[in-house]
């Protein structure tokens, strides 16, 4: 098999896979599609206007007032529906590009938060060693909460009266 017979991509979806992985490429691709949709929408709006003028103007001998209008309604409604759907597609493309960008920012924020939490957890489990706190210099003086500080055994506790 020669190289001329091989397709450019082994996988036909490889290009779209690359686009999906890059938010900037995703936005550019959707912008291209958006331009096409807007162009089609503009052409259909012109077609709609011209069709309306032609269909409403087509009268048959013996028509009563409004019969040409009623005959043209199904055609006009079908084009109106298509244009409405194209407007929905257009706004959906814009939203999708913004949401893809927001997703990428959210992923980066999650990575940063997890890295920070991991750092804090590592710092908490193995804090850096500090020297022992220095005493105030008075050996016999007792602090107001001396009973509650430092390690003691139950044999060293002073006897207290219950409340």
N, C-alpha and C. Protein backbone atom coordinates (compact mmCIF):
# COMPACT_ATOMS: atom_id res chain seq x y z
N UNK A 1 0.84 -1.17 0.00
CA UNK A 1 0.00 0.00 0.00
C UNK A 1 0.89 1.24 0.00
N UNK A 2 0.69 2.12 -0.93
CA UNK A 2 1.50 3.33 -1.01
C UNK A 2 0.95 4.40 -0.07
N UNK A 3 1.77 5.41 0.15
CA UNK A 3 1.34 6.50 1.05
C UNK A 3 0.27 7.36 0.42
N UNK A 4 0.14 7.29 -0.92
CA UNK A 4 -0.90 8.06 -1.59
C UNK A 4 -2.29 7.51 -1.30
N UNK A 5 -2.37 6.23 -1.00
CA UNK A 5 -3.67 5.61 -0.74
C UNK A 5 -4.15 5.85 0.69
N UNK A 6 -3.25 6.24 1.57
CA UNK A 6 -3.63 6.45 2.97
C UNK A 6 -4.40 7.75 3.12
N UNK A 7 -5.40 7.74 3.94
CA UNK A 7 -6.11 9.01 4.19
C UNK A 7 -5.22 9.95 5.01
N UNK A 8 -5.52 11.23 4.91
CA UNK A 8 -4.74 12.23 5.63
C UNK A 8 -4.79 11.96 7.14
N UNK A 9 -5.95 11.65 7.65
CA UNK A 9 -6.12 11.26 9.05
C UNK A 9 -6.55 9.81 9.09
N UNK A 10 -5.95 9.05 9.98
CA UNK A 10 -6.42 7.68 10.15
C UNK A 10 -7.81 7.68 10.78
N UNK A 11 -8.02 8.64 11.66
CA UNK A 11 -9.30 8.78 12.33
C UNK A 11 -9.98 10.04 11.81
N UNK A 12 -11.16 9.93 11.24
CA UNK A 12 -11.81 11.14 10.70
C UNK A 12 -12.18 12.17 11.78
N UNK A 13 -12.27 11.73 13.02
CA UNK A 13 -12.65 12.65 14.10
C UNK A 13 -11.44 13.22 14.83
N UNK A 14 -10.24 12.94 14.35
CA UNK A 14 -9.04 13.40 15.05
C UNK A 14 -8.95 14.92 15.09
N UNK A 15 -9.31 15.57 14.00
CA UNK A 15 -9.24 17.03 13.97
C UNK A 15 -10.22 17.64 14.98
N UNK A 16 -11.43 17.10 15.04
CA UNK A 16 -12.40 17.62 16.01
C UNK A 16 -11.98 17.30 17.44
N UNK A 17 -11.31 16.18 17.62
CA UNK A 17 -10.82 15.84 18.96
C UNK A 17 -9.78 16.86 19.42
N UNK A 18 -8.91 17.26 18.50
CA UNK A 18 -7.90 18.29 18.82
C UNK A 18 -8.59 19.61 19.15
N UNK A 19 -9.62 19.96 18.38
CA UNK A 19 -10.33 21.22 18.61
C UNK A 19 -11.03 21.19 19.97
N UNK A 20 -11.60 20.06 20.33
CA UNK A 20 -12.32 19.95 21.60
C UNK A 20 -11.38 20.10 22.79
N UNK A 21 -10.13 19.76 22.63
CA UNK A 21 -9.17 19.82 23.73
C UNK A 21 -8.60 21.21 23.94
N UNK A 22 -8.73 22.10 22.98
CA UNK A 22 -8.16 23.44 23.08
C UNK A 22 -9.28 24.47 23.08
N UNK A 23 -9.47 25.22 24.18
CA UNK A 23 -10.59 26.17 24.24
C UNK A 23 -10.51 27.27 23.19
N UNK A 24 -9.31 27.71 22.84
CA UNK A 24 -9.18 28.77 21.84
C UNK A 24 -9.56 28.24 20.46
N UNK A 25 -9.12 27.03 20.13
CA UNK A 25 -9.47 26.42 18.85
C UNK A 25 -10.97 26.13 18.80
N UNK A 26 -11.53 25.73 19.92
CA UNK A 26 -12.98 25.48 20.02
C UNK A 26 -13.75 26.76 19.70
N UNK A 27 -13.33 27.87 20.29
CA UNK A 27 -14.01 29.15 20.05
C UNK A 27 -13.88 29.58 18.59
N UNK A 28 -12.69 29.39 18.01
CA UNK A 28 -12.50 29.76 16.60
C UNK A 28 -13.39 28.91 15.69
N UNK A 29 -13.45 27.61 15.96
CA UNK A 29 -14.26 26.71 15.14
C UNK A 29 -15.73 27.08 15.23
N UNK A 30 -16.22 27.33 16.46
CA UNK A 30 -17.62 27.71 16.62
C UNK A 30 -17.89 29.08 16.00
N UNK A 31 -16.91 29.97 16.03
CA UNK A 31 -17.08 31.28 15.38
C UNK A 31 -17.23 31.11 13.87
N UNK A 32 -16.46 30.18 13.29
CA UNK A 32 -16.60 29.91 11.85
C UNK A 32 -18.00 29.38 11.53
N UNK A 33 -18.47 28.44 12.35
CA UNK A 33 -19.81 27.89 12.14
C UNK A 33 -20.86 28.98 12.34
N UNK A 34 -20.63 29.84 13.33
CA UNK A 34 -21.56 30.93 13.62
C UNK A 34 -21.68 31.87 12.42
N UNK A 35 -20.55 32.17 11.78
CA UNK A 35 -20.59 33.02 10.59
C UNK A 35 -21.43 32.39 9.48
N UNK A 36 -21.26 31.09 9.29
CA UNK A 36 -22.03 30.38 8.26
C UNK A 36 -23.51 30.42 8.59
N UNK A 37 -23.85 30.16 9.86
CA UNK A 37 -25.25 30.15 10.28
C UNK A 37 -25.87 31.54 10.08
N UNK A 38 -25.12 32.59 10.46
CA UNK A 38 -25.63 33.95 10.28
C UNK A 38 -25.82 34.28 8.80
N UNK A 39 -24.92 33.80 7.97
CA UNK A 39 -25.04 34.03 6.53
C UNK A 39 -26.28 33.32 5.98
N UNK A 40 -26.48 32.08 6.36
CA UNK A 40 -27.66 31.32 5.92
C UNK A 40 -28.93 32.01 6.43
N UNK A 41 -28.89 32.47 7.68
CA UNK A 41 -30.05 33.15 8.26
C UNK A 41 -30.39 34.41 7.46
N UNK A 42 -29.37 35.19 7.11
CA UNK A 42 -29.61 36.41 6.34
C UNK A 42 -30.21 36.09 4.98
N UNK A 43 -29.71 35.06 4.32
CA UNK A 43 -30.23 34.68 3.00
C UNK A 43 -31.68 34.20 3.11
N UNK A 44 -31.97 33.43 4.19
CA UNK A 44 -33.34 32.95 4.36
C UNK A 44 -34.30 34.08 4.70
N UNK A 45 -33.83 35.10 5.40
CA UNK A 45 -34.70 36.25 5.69
C UNK A 45 -35.05 36.99 4.40
N UNK A 46 -34.10 37.12 3.50
CA UNK A 46 -34.39 37.73 2.20
C UNK A 46 -35.38 36.87 1.41
N UNK A 47 -35.13 35.54 1.42
CA UNK A 47 -36.03 34.62 0.74
C UNK A 47 -37.43 34.70 1.33
N UNK A 48 -37.51 34.80 2.64
CA UNK A 48 -38.80 34.90 3.32
C UNK A 48 -39.56 36.15 2.86
N UNK A 49 -38.87 37.26 2.83
CA UNK A 49 -39.50 38.52 2.41
C UNK A 49 -40.00 38.43 0.96
N UNK A 50 -39.17 37.91 0.07
CA UNK A 50 -39.55 37.81 -1.33
C UNK A 50 -40.68 36.80 -1.54
N UNK A 51 -40.64 35.69 -0.79
CA UNK A 51 -41.70 34.69 -0.89
C UNK A 51 -43.02 35.26 -0.40
N UNK A 52 -42.98 36.00 0.69
CA UNK A 52 -44.19 36.62 1.22
C UNK A 52 -44.81 37.56 0.19
N UNK A 53 -43.98 38.40 -0.42
CA UNK A 53 -44.49 39.34 -1.43
C UNK A 53 -45.10 38.58 -2.60
N UNK A 54 -44.43 37.54 -3.07
CA UNK A 54 -44.93 36.79 -4.22
C UNK A 54 -46.20 36.02 -3.88
N UNK A 55 -46.17 35.27 -2.77
CA UNK A 55 -47.32 34.41 -2.44
C UNK A 55 -48.56 35.24 -2.10
N UNK A 56 -48.40 36.33 -1.38
CA UNK A 56 -49.55 37.17 -1.03
C UNK A 56 -50.07 37.92 -2.25
N UNK A 57 -49.21 38.14 -3.21
CA UNK A 57 -49.62 38.85 -4.43
C UNK A 57 -50.24 37.96 -5.48
N UNK A 58 -50.11 36.64 -5.32
CA UNK A 58 -50.66 35.70 -6.28
C UNK A 58 -52.15 35.51 -5.99
N UNK A 59 -52.96 36.04 -6.88
CA UNK A 59 -54.41 35.95 -6.70
C UNK A 59 -55.00 35.14 -7.85
N UNK A 60 -56.00 34.40 -7.51
CA UNK A 60 -56.72 33.60 -8.50
C UNK A 60 -58.07 34.29 -8.73
N UNK A 61 -58.56 34.21 -9.93
CA UNK A 61 -59.84 34.85 -10.24
C UNK A 61 -60.93 34.27 -9.35
N UNK A 62 -61.65 35.13 -8.74
CA UNK A 62 -62.75 34.72 -7.86
C UNK A 62 -62.34 34.68 -6.40
N UNK A 63 -61.10 35.03 -6.06
CA UNK A 63 -60.66 35.05 -4.65
C UNK A 63 -61.41 36.13 -3.89
N UNK A 64 -61.74 35.79 -2.67
CA UNK A 64 -62.28 36.79 -1.76
C UNK A 64 -61.11 37.47 -1.08
N UNK A 65 -61.38 38.53 -0.32
CA UNK A 65 -60.32 39.26 0.38
C UNK A 65 -59.69 38.33 1.42
N UNK A 66 -58.40 38.21 1.39
CA UNK A 66 -57.66 37.44 2.39
C UNK A 66 -57.37 36.01 2.01
N UNK A 67 -57.94 35.50 0.91
CA UNK A 67 -57.68 34.11 0.55
C UNK A 67 -56.24 33.91 0.09
N UNK A 68 -55.65 34.86 -0.61
CA UNK A 68 -54.25 34.75 -1.02
C UNK A 68 -53.35 34.75 0.22
N UNK A 69 -53.72 35.58 1.18
CA UNK A 69 -52.96 35.63 2.44
C UNK A 69 -53.02 34.28 3.15
N UNK A 70 -54.20 33.69 3.23
CA UNK A 70 -54.35 32.40 3.91
C UNK A 70 -53.60 31.29 3.17
N UNK A 71 -53.55 31.34 1.84
CA UNK A 71 -52.78 30.33 1.09
C UNK A 71 -51.28 30.47 1.32
N UNK A 72 -50.82 31.70 1.57
CA UNK A 72 -49.37 31.92 1.74
C UNK A 72 -48.90 31.61 3.17
N UNK A 73 -49.80 31.52 4.13
CA UNK A 73 -49.39 31.32 5.52
C UNK A 73 -48.55 30.06 5.76
N UNK A 74 -48.91 28.89 5.22
CA UNK A 74 -48.06 27.71 5.49
C UNK A 74 -46.62 27.88 5.02
N UNK A 75 -46.44 28.51 3.86
CA UNK A 75 -45.09 28.73 3.34
C UNK A 75 -44.34 29.70 4.25
N UNK A 76 -45.00 30.79 4.64
CA UNK A 76 -44.36 31.78 5.51
C UNK A 76 -44.02 31.18 6.87
N UNK A 77 -44.93 30.38 7.41
CA UNK A 77 -44.69 29.79 8.73
C UNK A 77 -43.52 28.81 8.70
N UNK A 78 -43.38 28.06 7.62
CA UNK A 78 -42.25 27.13 7.54
C UNK A 78 -40.93 27.89 7.52
N UNK A 79 -40.86 28.96 6.74
CA UNK A 79 -39.63 29.76 6.73
C UNK A 79 -39.40 30.46 8.07
N UNK A 80 -40.48 30.93 8.70
CA UNK A 80 -40.33 31.56 10.02
C UNK A 80 -39.77 30.57 11.03
N UNK A 81 -40.25 29.33 10.96
CA UNK A 81 -39.74 28.30 11.88
C UNK A 81 -38.26 28.02 11.66
N UNK A 82 -37.86 27.96 10.41
CA UNK A 82 -36.45 27.71 10.09
C UNK A 82 -35.59 28.86 10.61
N UNK A 83 -36.03 30.10 10.38
CA UNK A 83 -35.26 31.26 10.83
C UNK A 83 -35.19 31.30 12.35
N UNK A 84 -36.28 30.95 13.00
CA UNK A 84 -36.29 30.91 14.47
C UNK A 84 -35.28 29.87 14.98
N UNK A 85 -35.26 28.70 14.34
CA UNK A 85 -34.30 27.67 14.74
C UNK A 85 -32.86 28.11 14.50
N UNK A 86 -32.63 28.81 13.41
CA UNK A 86 -31.28 29.31 13.13
C UNK A 86 -30.85 30.34 14.18
N UNK A 87 -31.78 31.17 14.62
CA UNK A 87 -31.44 32.13 15.68
C UNK A 87 -31.10 31.39 16.97
N UNK A 88 -31.83 30.32 17.25
CA UNK A 88 -31.51 29.50 18.43
C UNK A 88 -30.15 28.84 18.30
N UNK A 89 -29.84 28.35 17.12
CA UNK A 89 -28.53 27.74 16.88
C UNK A 89 -27.43 28.78 17.07
N UNK A 90 -27.67 29.96 16.55
CA UNK A 90 -26.68 31.04 16.65
C UNK A 90 -26.39 31.38 18.11
N UNK A 91 -27.44 31.57 18.90
CA UNK A 91 -27.22 31.89 20.32
C UNK A 91 -26.62 30.70 21.06
N UNK A 92 -26.99 29.49 20.66
CA UNK A 92 -26.41 28.30 21.28
C UNK A 92 -24.92 28.17 21.01
N UNK A 93 -24.49 28.53 19.81
CA UNK A 93 -23.07 28.50 19.49
C UNK A 93 -22.29 29.48 20.35
N UNK A 94 -22.84 30.66 20.52
CA UNK A 94 -22.18 31.67 21.36
C UNK A 94 -22.07 31.19 22.80
N UNK A 95 -23.17 30.65 23.32
CA UNK A 95 -23.16 30.16 24.71
C UNK A 95 -22.16 29.03 24.88
N UNK A 96 -22.11 28.14 23.90
CA UNK A 96 -21.20 27.01 23.99
C UNK A 96 -19.75 27.45 24.05
N UNK A 97 -19.39 28.43 23.25
CA UNK A 97 -18.01 28.93 23.28
C UNK A 97 -17.69 29.55 24.64
N UNK A 98 -18.62 30.31 25.20
CA UNK A 98 -18.39 30.92 26.51
C UNK A 98 -18.31 29.86 27.61
N UNK A 99 -19.16 28.86 27.52
CA UNK A 99 -19.15 27.81 28.55
C UNK A 99 -17.89 26.96 28.46
N UNK A 100 -17.37 26.75 27.27
CA UNK A 100 -16.12 25.98 27.13
C UNK A 100 -14.98 26.74 27.77
N UNK A 101 -14.95 28.05 27.57
CA UNK A 101 -13.91 28.88 28.18
C UNK A 101 -14.07 28.87 29.71
N UNK A 102 -15.29 28.98 30.20
CA UNK A 102 -15.53 28.96 31.64
C UNK A 102 -15.13 27.61 32.23
N UNK A 103 -15.36 26.53 31.49
CA UNK A 103 -14.97 25.20 31.96
C UNK A 103 -13.45 25.11 32.13
N UNK A 104 -12.73 25.65 31.17
CA UNK A 104 -11.26 25.61 31.25
C UNK A 104 -10.76 26.40 32.45
N UNK A 105 -11.37 27.57 32.70
CA UNK A 105 -10.98 28.37 33.86
C UNK A 105 -11.28 27.62 35.15
N UNK A 106 -12.43 26.95 35.19
CA UNK A 106 -12.83 26.20 36.39
C UNK A 106 -11.86 25.04 36.65
N UNK A 107 -11.46 24.35 35.59
CA UNK A 107 -10.50 23.25 35.74
C UNK A 107 -9.18 23.78 36.29
N UNK A 108 -8.72 24.90 35.76
CA UNK A 108 -7.46 25.49 36.25
C UNK A 108 -7.58 25.93 37.70
N UNK A 109 -8.74 26.47 38.09
CA UNK A 109 -8.95 26.87 39.48
C UNK A 109 -8.94 25.66 40.40
N UNK A 110 -9.57 24.58 39.96
CA UNK A 110 -9.61 23.36 40.78
C UNK A 110 -8.20 22.82 40.97
N UNK A 111 -7.41 22.83 39.90
CA UNK A 111 -6.02 22.36 40.02
C UNK A 111 -5.25 23.20 41.03
N UNK A 112 -5.42 24.52 40.95
CA UNK A 112 -4.70 25.41 41.86
C UNK A 112 -5.16 25.21 43.30
N UNK A 113 -6.46 25.06 43.51
CA UNK A 113 -6.98 24.85 44.87
C UNK A 113 -6.50 23.54 45.44
N UNK A 114 -6.52 22.49 44.62
CA UNK A 114 -6.05 21.18 45.11
C UNK A 114 -4.57 21.23 45.44
N UNK A 115 -3.79 21.92 44.63
CA UNK A 115 -2.37 22.03 44.90
C UNK A 115 -2.14 22.78 46.21
N UNK A 116 -2.93 23.84 46.43
CA UNK A 116 -2.81 24.62 47.67
C UNK A 116 -3.22 23.78 48.88
N UNK A 117 -4.31 23.03 48.74
CA UNK A 117 -4.76 22.16 49.84
C UNK A 117 -3.71 21.10 50.16
N UNK A 118 -3.12 20.54 49.11
CA UNK A 118 -2.09 19.52 49.31
C UNK A 118 -0.90 20.12 50.04
N UNK A 119 -0.53 21.34 49.67
CA UNK A 119 0.57 22.03 50.33
C UNK A 119 0.23 22.30 51.80
N UNK A 120 -0.97 22.77 52.06
CA UNK A 120 -1.38 23.04 53.45
C UNK A 120 -1.44 21.76 54.27
N UNK A 121 -1.91 20.69 53.67
CA UNK A 121 -2.00 19.41 54.37
C UNK A 121 -0.60 18.89 54.69
N UNK A 122 0.30 19.00 53.75
CA UNK A 122 1.67 18.57 53.98
C UNK A 122 2.31 19.42 55.08
N UNK A 123 2.02 20.71 55.09
CA UNK A 123 2.57 21.60 56.11
C UNK A 123 1.96 21.29 57.48
N UNK A 124 0.69 20.89 57.49
CA UNK A 124 0.01 20.57 58.74
C UNK A 124 0.55 19.28 59.35
N UNK A 125 0.77 18.26 58.51
CA UNK A 125 1.20 16.97 59.03
C UNK A 125 2.66 16.99 59.47
N UNK A 126 3.49 17.77 58.83
CA UNK A 126 4.90 17.84 59.24
C UNK A 126 5.30 19.31 59.36
N UNK A 127 4.87 19.96 60.42
CA UNK A 127 5.23 21.36 60.56
C UNK A 127 6.72 21.51 60.82
N UNK A 128 7.25 22.63 60.46
CA UNK A 128 8.68 22.86 60.70
C UNK A 128 8.92 22.93 62.20
N UNK A 129 10.09 22.44 62.62
CA UNK A 129 10.40 22.40 64.05
C UNK A 129 10.80 23.78 64.54
N UNK A 130 10.18 24.21 65.60
CA UNK A 130 10.51 25.47 66.23
C UNK A 130 11.13 25.16 67.57
N UNK A 131 11.90 26.08 68.06
CA UNK A 131 12.49 25.91 69.38
C UNK A 131 11.40 25.91 70.45
N UNK A 132 11.77 25.41 71.64
CA UNK A 132 10.81 25.40 72.75
C UNK A 132 10.52 26.83 73.15
N UNK A 133 9.29 27.11 73.57
CA UNK A 133 8.98 28.48 73.98
C UNK A 133 9.79 28.86 75.21
N UNK A 134 10.27 30.06 75.20
CA UNK A 134 11.08 30.51 76.33
C UNK A 134 10.18 30.88 77.49
N UNK A 135 10.66 30.57 78.69
CA UNK A 135 9.87 30.91 79.87
C UNK A 135 10.08 32.38 80.20
N UNK A 136 9.22 32.90 81.04
CA UNK A 136 9.25 34.32 81.34
C UNK A 136 10.41 34.69 82.26
N UNK A 137 11.12 33.73 82.77
CA UNK A 137 12.26 34.04 83.62
C UNK A 137 11.96 33.85 85.10
N UNK A 138 10.72 33.86 85.49
CA UNK A 138 10.36 33.65 86.89
C UNK A 138 9.95 32.21 87.05
N UNK A 139 10.78 31.48 87.76
CA UNK A 139 10.54 30.06 87.89
C UNK A 139 9.40 29.76 88.84
N UNK A 140 9.25 30.53 89.89
CA UNK A 140 8.25 30.22 90.89
C UNK A 140 6.89 30.79 90.56
N UNK A 141 6.81 31.71 89.64
CA UNK A 141 5.53 32.35 89.34
C UNK A 141 4.66 31.42 88.52
N UNK A 142 3.40 31.42 88.84
CA UNK A 142 2.46 30.56 88.11
C UNK A 142 1.58 31.42 87.22
N UNK A 143 1.34 30.95 86.05
CA UNK A 143 0.42 31.66 85.17
C UNK A 143 -1.00 31.29 85.57
N UNK A 144 -1.98 32.07 85.19
CA UNK A 144 -3.34 31.80 85.62
C UNK A 144 -3.87 30.46 85.11
N UNK A 145 -3.42 29.99 83.97
CA UNK A 145 -3.90 28.72 83.42
C UNK A 145 -2.81 27.66 83.43
N UNK A 146 -1.97 27.67 84.41
CA UNK A 146 -0.87 26.73 84.46
C UNK A 146 -1.35 25.30 84.60
N UNK A 147 -2.50 25.12 85.20
CA UNK A 147 -3.02 23.76 85.40
C UNK A 147 -3.41 23.12 84.07
N UNK A 148 -3.75 23.94 83.11
CA UNK A 148 -4.25 23.39 81.86
C UNK A 148 -3.18 23.29 80.79
N UNK A 149 -2.02 23.79 81.01
CA UNK A 149 -0.98 23.74 80.00
C UNK A 149 0.01 22.64 80.28
N UNK A 150 0.63 22.11 79.26
CA UNK A 150 1.70 21.14 79.40
C UNK A 150 1.20 19.75 79.76
N UNK A 151 2.02 18.78 79.51
CA UNK A 151 1.64 17.40 79.82
C UNK A 151 1.75 17.13 81.32
N UNK A 152 0.78 16.49 81.83
CA UNK A 152 0.79 16.09 83.25
C UNK A 152 0.23 14.70 83.37
N UNK A 153 0.48 14.05 84.45
CA UNK A 153 -0.14 12.75 84.68
C UNK A 153 -1.25 12.94 85.70
N UNK A 154 -2.05 11.94 85.84
CA UNK A 154 -3.16 12.08 86.77
C UNK A 154 -2.68 12.14 88.22
N UNK A 155 -1.46 11.71 88.46
CA UNK A 155 -0.93 11.73 89.83
C UNK A 155 -0.44 13.12 90.21
N UNK A 156 -0.13 13.94 89.23
CA UNK A 156 0.38 15.27 89.52
C UNK A 156 -0.73 16.33 89.62
N UNK A 157 -1.96 15.95 89.33
CA UNK A 157 -3.04 16.92 89.38
C UNK A 157 -3.34 17.30 90.83
N UNK A 158 -3.52 18.58 91.10
CA UNK A 158 -3.89 18.96 92.45
C UNK A 158 -5.33 18.55 92.74
N UNK A 159 -5.60 18.32 94.00
CA UNK A 159 -6.96 17.91 94.35
C UNK A 159 -7.89 19.12 94.28
N UNK A 160 -9.00 18.88 93.61
CA UNK A 160 -9.97 19.95 93.47
C UNK A 160 -11.29 19.49 94.07
N UNK A 161 -11.98 20.49 94.52
CA UNK A 161 -13.30 20.17 95.04
C UNK A 161 -14.27 20.27 93.88
N UNK A 162 -15.25 19.40 93.89
CA UNK A 162 -16.23 19.43 92.80
C UNK A 162 -17.14 20.63 92.98
N UNK A 163 -17.73 21.02 91.93
CA UNK A 163 -18.63 22.16 91.97
C UNK A 163 -19.85 21.75 92.64
